[in-house]
Protein backbone atom coordinates (compact mmCIF):
# COMPACT_ATOMS: atom_id res chain seq x y z
CA MET A 1 112.23 39.29 -154.30
CA ILE A 2 111.84 40.97 -150.90
CA LEU A 3 112.67 39.42 -147.53
CA LEU A 4 110.27 40.46 -144.75
CA LEU A 5 111.37 39.89 -141.14
CA GLY A 6 108.79 40.07 -138.37
CA ALA A 7 106.00 39.03 -140.72
CA SER A 8 103.62 38.00 -137.92
CA GLY A 9 103.62 41.38 -136.16
CA TYR A 10 101.06 44.15 -136.59
CA LEU A 11 103.14 46.16 -139.06
CA GLY A 12 104.69 43.02 -140.53
CA ARG A 13 101.27 41.68 -141.52
CA ALA A 14 100.41 45.05 -143.04
CA PHE A 15 103.60 44.92 -145.11
CA ALA A 16 102.72 41.39 -146.24
CA ARG A 17 99.22 42.49 -147.32
CA GLU A 18 100.56 45.43 -149.30
CA LEU A 19 103.40 43.47 -150.90
CA ARG A 20 100.87 40.85 -151.99
CA ARG A 21 98.53 43.53 -153.32
CA ARG A 22 101.35 45.01 -155.39
CA GLY A 23 102.27 41.63 -156.81
CA TYR A 24 105.73 41.34 -155.24
CA VAL A 25 107.44 38.03 -154.72
CA PHE A 26 108.43 38.06 -151.05
CA ILE A 27 109.38 35.69 -148.26
CA PRO A 28 107.72 36.38 -144.89
CA LEU A 29 109.86 35.18 -141.98
CA VAL A 30 108.93 34.76 -138.34
CA ARG A 31 111.55 34.10 -135.71
CA ARG A 32 109.96 30.99 -134.26
CA ALA A 33 110.33 29.34 -137.67
CA PHE A 34 113.76 30.72 -138.54
CA ASP A 35 116.00 32.46 -136.03
CA TYR A 36 117.14 35.43 -138.09
CA GLY A 37 118.70 36.81 -134.92
CA GLN A 38 121.64 34.49 -135.58
CA MET A 39 123.90 36.44 -137.89
CA SER A 40 125.51 33.42 -139.57
CA LEU A 41 122.12 31.92 -140.47
CA LEU A 42 120.75 35.18 -141.81
CA LEU A 43 123.93 35.83 -143.78
CA GLN A 44 123.73 32.41 -145.42
CA TYR A 45 120.06 32.90 -146.18
CA VAL A 46 120.48 36.33 -147.75
CA ARG A 47 123.39 35.08 -149.86
CA LYS A 48 121.28 32.20 -151.15
CA THR A 49 118.07 34.12 -151.81
CA THR A 50 119.67 37.41 -153.02
CA PRO A 51 116.71 39.67 -152.14
CA GLN A 52 116.29 43.12 -153.66
CA LEU A 53 115.39 44.49 -150.24
CA VAL A 54 115.33 43.25 -146.65
CA ILE A 55 112.58 44.80 -144.52
CA ASN A 56 113.06 44.46 -140.77
CA ALA A 57 109.61 44.85 -139.22
CA ALA A 58 110.60 42.74 -136.21
CA GLY A 59 110.89 44.11 -132.71
CA TYR A 60 109.48 43.87 -129.22
CA SER A 61 107.09 46.49 -127.83
CA GLY A 62 105.74 44.49 -124.89
CA ARG A 63 102.40 42.87 -124.20
CA PRO A 64 99.95 44.37 -123.44
CA ASN A 65 102.03 47.57 -123.60
CA VAL A 66 105.54 49.00 -123.28
CA ASP A 67 105.55 48.52 -119.50
CA GLU A 68 106.39 44.87 -120.19
CA CYS A 69 109.67 46.01 -121.77
CA GLU A 70 110.77 47.24 -118.35
CA HIS A 71 110.42 43.66 -117.07
CA GLU A 72 112.00 42.09 -120.17
CA PRO A 73 115.12 44.21 -120.76
CA THR A 74 117.19 41.45 -122.38
CA ARG A 75 114.47 40.45 -124.81
CA THR A 76 113.72 44.09 -125.61
CA PHE A 77 117.39 44.99 -126.17
CA GLN A 78 118.02 41.96 -128.36
CA ALA A 79 114.96 42.56 -130.54
CA ASN A 80 115.10 46.35 -130.80
CA THR A 81 118.83 47.14 -130.75
CA ILE A 82 120.90 44.05 -131.56
CA LEU A 83 118.71 42.57 -134.31
CA PRO A 84 118.62 45.74 -136.46
CA GLN A 85 122.43 45.82 -136.36
CA ILE A 86 122.61 42.16 -137.40
CA VAL A 87 120.27 42.79 -140.32
CA ALA A 88 122.15 45.89 -141.47
CA ARG A 89 125.57 44.19 -141.17
CA VAL A 90 124.37 41.19 -143.16
CA CYS A 91 123.01 43.52 -145.82
CA LEU A 92 126.25 45.50 -145.85
CA ALA A 93 128.23 42.29 -146.34
CA THR A 94 125.98 41.20 -149.22
CA ASN A 95 125.46 44.64 -150.77
CA THR A 96 121.71 44.38 -150.13
CA PRO A 97 119.52 47.43 -149.42
CA TRP A 98 117.67 47.26 -146.12
CA ALA A 99 114.78 49.00 -144.40
CA HIS A 100 114.29 49.16 -140.65
CA VAL A 101 110.98 49.93 -138.96
CA SER A 102 111.90 52.23 -136.10
CA SER A 103 109.56 54.36 -133.95
CA GLY A 104 108.53 57.97 -133.62
CA GLY A 105 108.38 57.32 -129.89
CA ILE A 106 112.03 58.31 -129.53
CA TYR A 107 110.84 61.92 -129.29
CA SER A 108 108.95 63.78 -126.60
CA GLY A 109 107.21 67.10 -127.15
CA ALA A 110 107.17 69.39 -130.17
CA ARG A 111 108.58 72.59 -131.58
CA VAL A 112 106.36 75.45 -130.43
CA ILE A 113 106.10 78.97 -131.88
CA GLU A 114 106.10 81.56 -129.09
CA ALA A 115 106.63 85.30 -129.58
CA GLY A 116 107.76 84.72 -133.12
CA ARG A 117 110.43 82.21 -132.12
CA VAL A 118 110.50 78.43 -132.13
CA ARG A 119 111.50 76.50 -129.05
CA ILE A 120 111.38 72.83 -128.19
CA VAL A 121 108.90 71.90 -125.49
CA ARG A 122 109.52 68.40 -124.17
CA ASP A 123 106.38 68.04 -122.04
CA LEU A 124 103.16 68.72 -123.97
CA ASN A 125 101.08 67.94 -120.90
CA GLN A 126 102.13 71.01 -118.94
CA PRO A 127 98.82 72.79 -118.25
CA GLU A 128 99.85 76.02 -119.97
CA ILE A 129 101.23 74.15 -123.00
CA ARG A 130 98.14 71.98 -123.29
CA GLU A 131 95.94 75.07 -123.09
CA LEU A 132 97.99 76.66 -125.86
CA TYR A 133 97.62 73.54 -128.01
CA ASP A 134 93.85 73.42 -127.47
CA THR A 135 93.48 77.04 -128.59
CA HIS A 136 96.29 77.39 -131.15
CA PRO A 137 97.31 73.96 -132.53
CA GLU A 138 98.79 75.69 -135.60
CA ARG A 139 101.62 76.96 -133.38
CA PHE A 140 102.84 73.40 -132.76
CA LEU A 141 105.36 72.03 -135.23
CA GLY A 142 106.60 68.46 -135.39
CA PHE A 143 110.13 67.18 -135.05
CA THR A 144 111.88 66.70 -138.38
CA GLU A 145 114.36 63.99 -139.27
CA LEU A 146 117.13 66.52 -138.57
CA ASP A 147 116.10 66.96 -134.95
CA PRO A 148 118.06 64.64 -132.64
CA PRO A 149 115.84 62.24 -130.68
CA ASN A 150 115.23 63.50 -127.14
CA PHE A 151 113.42 60.55 -125.54
CA THR A 152 116.46 58.31 -125.20
CA PHE A 153 118.78 56.80 -122.61
CA GLN A 154 121.14 59.74 -123.15
CA LYS A 155 118.36 62.33 -122.89
CA GLY A 156 116.04 60.72 -120.40
CA PRO A 157 113.96 59.94 -118.65
CA CYS A 158 112.53 57.53 -121.19
CA GLY A 159 111.01 54.07 -121.29
CA PHE A 160 113.24 51.08 -121.99
CA TYR A 161 111.45 50.44 -125.29
CA ALA A 162 112.12 53.96 -126.59
CA GLY A 163 115.72 53.82 -125.40
CA THR A 164 116.46 50.62 -127.31
CA LYS A 165 114.82 51.93 -130.49
CA ALA A 166 116.91 55.11 -130.30
CA LEU A 167 120.11 53.10 -129.79
CA ALA A 168 119.29 51.08 -132.91
CA GLU A 169 118.92 54.20 -135.03
CA GLU A 170 122.24 55.54 -133.76
CA SER A 171 124.03 52.30 -134.57
CA LEU A 172 122.54 52.01 -138.08
CA GLN A 173 123.79 55.35 -139.35
CA SER A 174 127.04 53.89 -140.73
CA LEU A 175 125.84 50.47 -141.83
CA GLY A 176 125.27 50.71 -145.54
CA ALA A 177 122.42 51.78 -147.79
CA GLY A 178 119.17 51.63 -145.93
CA TYR A 179 115.91 53.25 -144.89
CA ILE A 180 114.85 54.01 -141.33
CA TRP A 181 111.06 54.34 -141.26
CA ARG A 182 109.41 55.88 -138.19
CA PRO A 183 105.73 55.10 -137.60
CA ARG A 184 103.96 56.35 -134.50
CA ILE A 185 101.20 54.48 -132.57
CA PRO A 186 99.56 52.51 -135.40
CA PHE A 187 95.82 52.17 -135.87
CA GLY A 188 93.45 50.80 -138.49
CA GLU A 189 89.91 49.67 -139.19
CA VAL A 190 90.28 46.09 -137.90
CA ASP A 191 89.62 45.40 -134.22
CA GLU A 192 92.77 43.72 -132.93
CA PRO A 193 94.98 44.06 -129.84
CA CYS A 194 97.77 46.22 -131.34
CA ASN A 195 95.36 48.73 -132.86
CA LEU A 196 95.19 52.00 -130.90
CA LEU A 197 91.44 52.22 -131.52
CA SER A 198 90.97 48.78 -129.97
CA LYS A 199 93.20 49.62 -127.01
CA LEU A 200 91.28 52.79 -126.19
CA GLN A 201 88.01 50.84 -126.14
CA SER A 202 89.49 48.28 -123.75
CA TYR A 203 91.08 50.61 -121.20
CA ALA A 204 89.30 51.23 -117.91
CA ARG A 205 90.88 54.70 -117.78
CA ILE A 206 92.56 56.66 -120.54
CA TYR A 207 95.73 58.73 -120.62
CA ASP A 208 95.04 61.95 -122.52
CA HIS A 209 97.96 63.41 -124.47
CA VAL A 210 98.89 65.05 -127.78
CA THR A 211 100.50 62.86 -130.41
CA SER A 212 101.07 61.95 -134.03
CA LEU A 213 99.61 58.66 -135.28
CA SER A 214 100.11 56.26 -138.19
CA HIS A 215 97.32 54.47 -140.02
CA VAL A 216 98.93 51.06 -140.40
CA ASP A 217 98.11 50.58 -144.10
CA ASP A 218 98.83 54.21 -145.01
CA CYS A 219 102.19 53.81 -143.31
CA VAL A 220 103.32 50.69 -145.16
CA ARG A 221 102.08 52.08 -148.48
CA ALA A 222 104.17 55.21 -147.94
CA CYS A 223 107.21 53.11 -147.01
CA LEU A 224 106.94 50.96 -150.12
CA ASP A 225 106.29 54.02 -152.27
CA LEU A 226 109.63 55.39 -151.07
CA TRP A 227 111.31 52.17 -152.13
CA GLU A 228 109.57 52.00 -155.49
CA GLN A 229 110.34 55.63 -156.29
CA HIS A 230 114.03 55.15 -155.43
CA ALA A 231 113.85 57.84 -152.76
CA PRO A 232 117.21 58.63 -151.16
CA PHE A 233 118.17 56.27 -148.36
CA GLY A 234 117.89 57.73 -144.89
CA ILE A 235 115.42 58.47 -142.11
CA TYR A 236 111.75 59.18 -142.79
CA ASN A 237 108.96 60.06 -140.36
CA VAL A 238 105.97 58.05 -141.61
CA THR A 239 102.92 59.37 -139.81
CA ASN A 240 99.65 60.79 -141.04
CA PRO A 241 100.06 64.59 -141.21
CA GLY A 242 98.80 66.46 -138.17
CA ALA A 243 98.34 65.55 -134.52
CA VAL A 244 95.42 64.72 -132.23
CA THR A 245 94.65 64.46 -128.55
CA THR A 246 93.49 61.19 -127.07
CA ARG A 247 90.22 62.90 -126.14
CA GLU A 248 89.65 63.79 -129.79
CA VAL A 249 90.20 60.16 -130.81
CA VAL A 250 87.80 58.93 -128.10
CA GLU A 251 85.17 61.46 -129.21
CA MET A 252 85.48 60.11 -132.75
CA ILE A 253 85.12 56.54 -131.46
CA GLN A 254 81.93 57.51 -129.62
CA ARG A 255 80.54 59.40 -132.60
CA PHE A 256 81.16 56.74 -135.23
CA LEU A 257 80.75 53.52 -133.24
CA LYS A 258 77.96 54.81 -130.97
CA LEU A 259 79.26 52.89 -127.97
CA ASP A 260 77.06 52.64 -124.90
CA ARG A 261 79.79 53.39 -122.37
CA HIS A 262 81.41 56.25 -120.51
CA PHE A 263 85.14 56.75 -120.99
CA GLU A 264 87.09 57.76 -117.91
CA TYR A 265 90.44 59.58 -117.90
CA TRP A 266 93.34 59.73 -115.49
CA ALA A 267 93.07 62.97 -113.55
CA ASP A 268 96.62 64.07 -114.33
CA GLU A 269 100.16 62.85 -115.05
CA GLU A 270 100.89 62.14 -111.40
CA GLU A 271 97.90 59.85 -111.03
CA PHE A 272 98.67 58.09 -114.31
CA TYR A 273 102.28 57.34 -113.38
CA THR A 274 101.61 56.41 -109.77
CA GLN A 275 98.61 54.15 -110.47
CA GLY A 276 98.48 53.31 -114.18
CA ALA A 277 101.91 53.13 -115.80
CA LEU A 278 105.45 52.00 -115.10
CA ALA A 279 107.43 53.31 -118.09
CA PRO A 280 107.48 56.99 -119.12
CA ARG A 281 105.30 57.59 -122.19
CA SER A 282 106.25 59.60 -125.23
CA SER A 283 103.89 62.39 -126.25
CA CYS A 284 105.19 63.92 -129.47
CA ILE A 285 104.41 65.45 -132.84
CA LEU A 286 106.39 64.47 -135.94
CA ASP A 287 106.86 66.51 -139.10
CA VAL A 288 106.36 64.64 -142.40
CA SER A 289 107.42 67.40 -144.78
CA LYS A 290 110.33 65.28 -146.03
CA LEU A 291 107.95 62.47 -146.97
CA LEU A 292 105.45 64.78 -148.66
CA SER A 293 108.18 66.68 -150.55
CA LEU A 294 108.92 63.50 -152.48
CA GLY A 295 105.32 63.24 -153.70
CA ILE A 296 104.34 60.48 -151.26
CA LYS A 297 100.58 60.56 -150.64
CA ILE A 298 99.28 60.03 -147.11
CA ARG A 299 95.98 61.18 -145.60
CA PRO A 300 95.73 63.74 -142.78
CA VAL A 301 95.41 61.99 -139.44
CA LYS A 302 91.81 62.99 -138.68
CA GLU A 303 90.68 61.90 -142.14
CA ALA A 304 92.40 58.53 -141.67
CA LEU A 305 90.84 58.10 -138.22
CA ALA A 306 87.36 58.88 -139.52
CA ALA A 307 87.77 56.45 -142.42
CA ALA A 308 88.99 53.67 -140.10
CA LEU A 309 86.02 54.11 -137.77
CA LYS A 310 83.53 54.24 -140.66
CA GLU A 311 84.94 50.91 -141.87
CA TRP A 312 85.35 49.39 -138.38
CA ARG A 313 85.11 45.62 -138.37
CA PRO A 314 86.14 42.66 -136.21
CA ALA A 315 89.29 40.75 -137.00
CA SER A 316 88.87 37.90 -139.45
CA PRO A 317 89.07 34.39 -137.98
CA PRO A 318 92.39 32.63 -138.55
CA ALA A 319 92.64 31.06 -141.99
CA SER A 320 92.93 27.30 -142.29
CA HIS A 321 96.39 27.86 -143.76
CA SER A 322 98.48 30.99 -143.79
CA ASP A 323 101.43 32.37 -145.68
CA PRO A 324 104.32 29.93 -145.73
CA VAL A 325 107.54 30.93 -144.05
CA LEU A 326 110.65 29.68 -145.77
CA LEU A 327 113.18 27.92 -143.59
CA PRO A 328 116.94 27.89 -144.27
CA LEU A 329 117.95 26.51 -147.65
CA GLY A 330 118.40 22.77 -147.86
CA ARG A 331 121.00 20.78 -149.71
CA ALA A 332 119.37 21.42 -153.05
CA GLY A 333 119.95 25.15 -152.60
CA ASN A 334 116.59 25.81 -154.23
CA PRO A 335 114.24 28.12 -152.30
CA VAL A 336 111.19 26.74 -154.05
CA ALA A 337 112.10 23.16 -153.25
CA ASP A 338 112.75 23.77 -149.58
CA ARG A 339 110.31 22.81 -146.91
CA PHE A 340 107.85 25.34 -145.52
CA VAL A 341 106.16 25.88 -142.20
CA HIS A 342 102.96 27.80 -141.53
CA LEU A 343 102.57 30.88 -139.36
């Protein structure tokens, strides 16, 4: 049995779909039904249910975007830094493997080949760097899992969201056997608020930058493949291989969806940050060689984008009843007999 925390979130729902497709017995938990942020409650629950794996897909990224995290520092810190430590400590105490969904947004820039040498460029939007990327993208290499994060409180400036995610990773290094999975800006074929493709269609003006991306279902499949194949515990970048510019994604949206609208862009970084954004944004490329070296299959990013847009569809209406979320064990101590609530 697998315990899934944050089951109502964008990635959490994708994990639930894939776990169901693979035939796993799992318990999806949402915090409003069971406060797994209380260590004593979670410890009791894990001891009673004895899961094979605890997946922490919970977190707070702000609504409608990470700027909200700047206004909600306590909530952001509790969800993104404190909760992962609680989960890992509970799992350490119960000898339970854990997996934490982190973020590739704790990096900024890429490793760039220049004059036969590799150097780290933090700002991919410098005009000369962007020109180099547009003409020679093959000279841009992603950050590997061995590269220390550089979009953090210690190596700022960074947004509060990225800072809290980086702190979580640092604190988890010594807390037992676990996976740290790093997706990056998820997207998919269903039109919903957390989908990058939906966001780009809703923005009045668009911020153009170079980045890695994660198809939401490709990402969770790769994560679960790691678990099923008994891959070594540790950190894994889980993005679709390659990188794209926002302009390339918008051009694909226009080509496949044939939208009758003109997309406008911020003129430059200064205009974007003075008129459009509060928190600094991460623009980065991640290397997935470690993932691929273990035989994990994941589509190149442009192939995944094209497939998502070919299959584009509106979100399904809410079901009359949804997956039950198990509350803390009752006196009988029987998970099946306990009462349920609906998402």
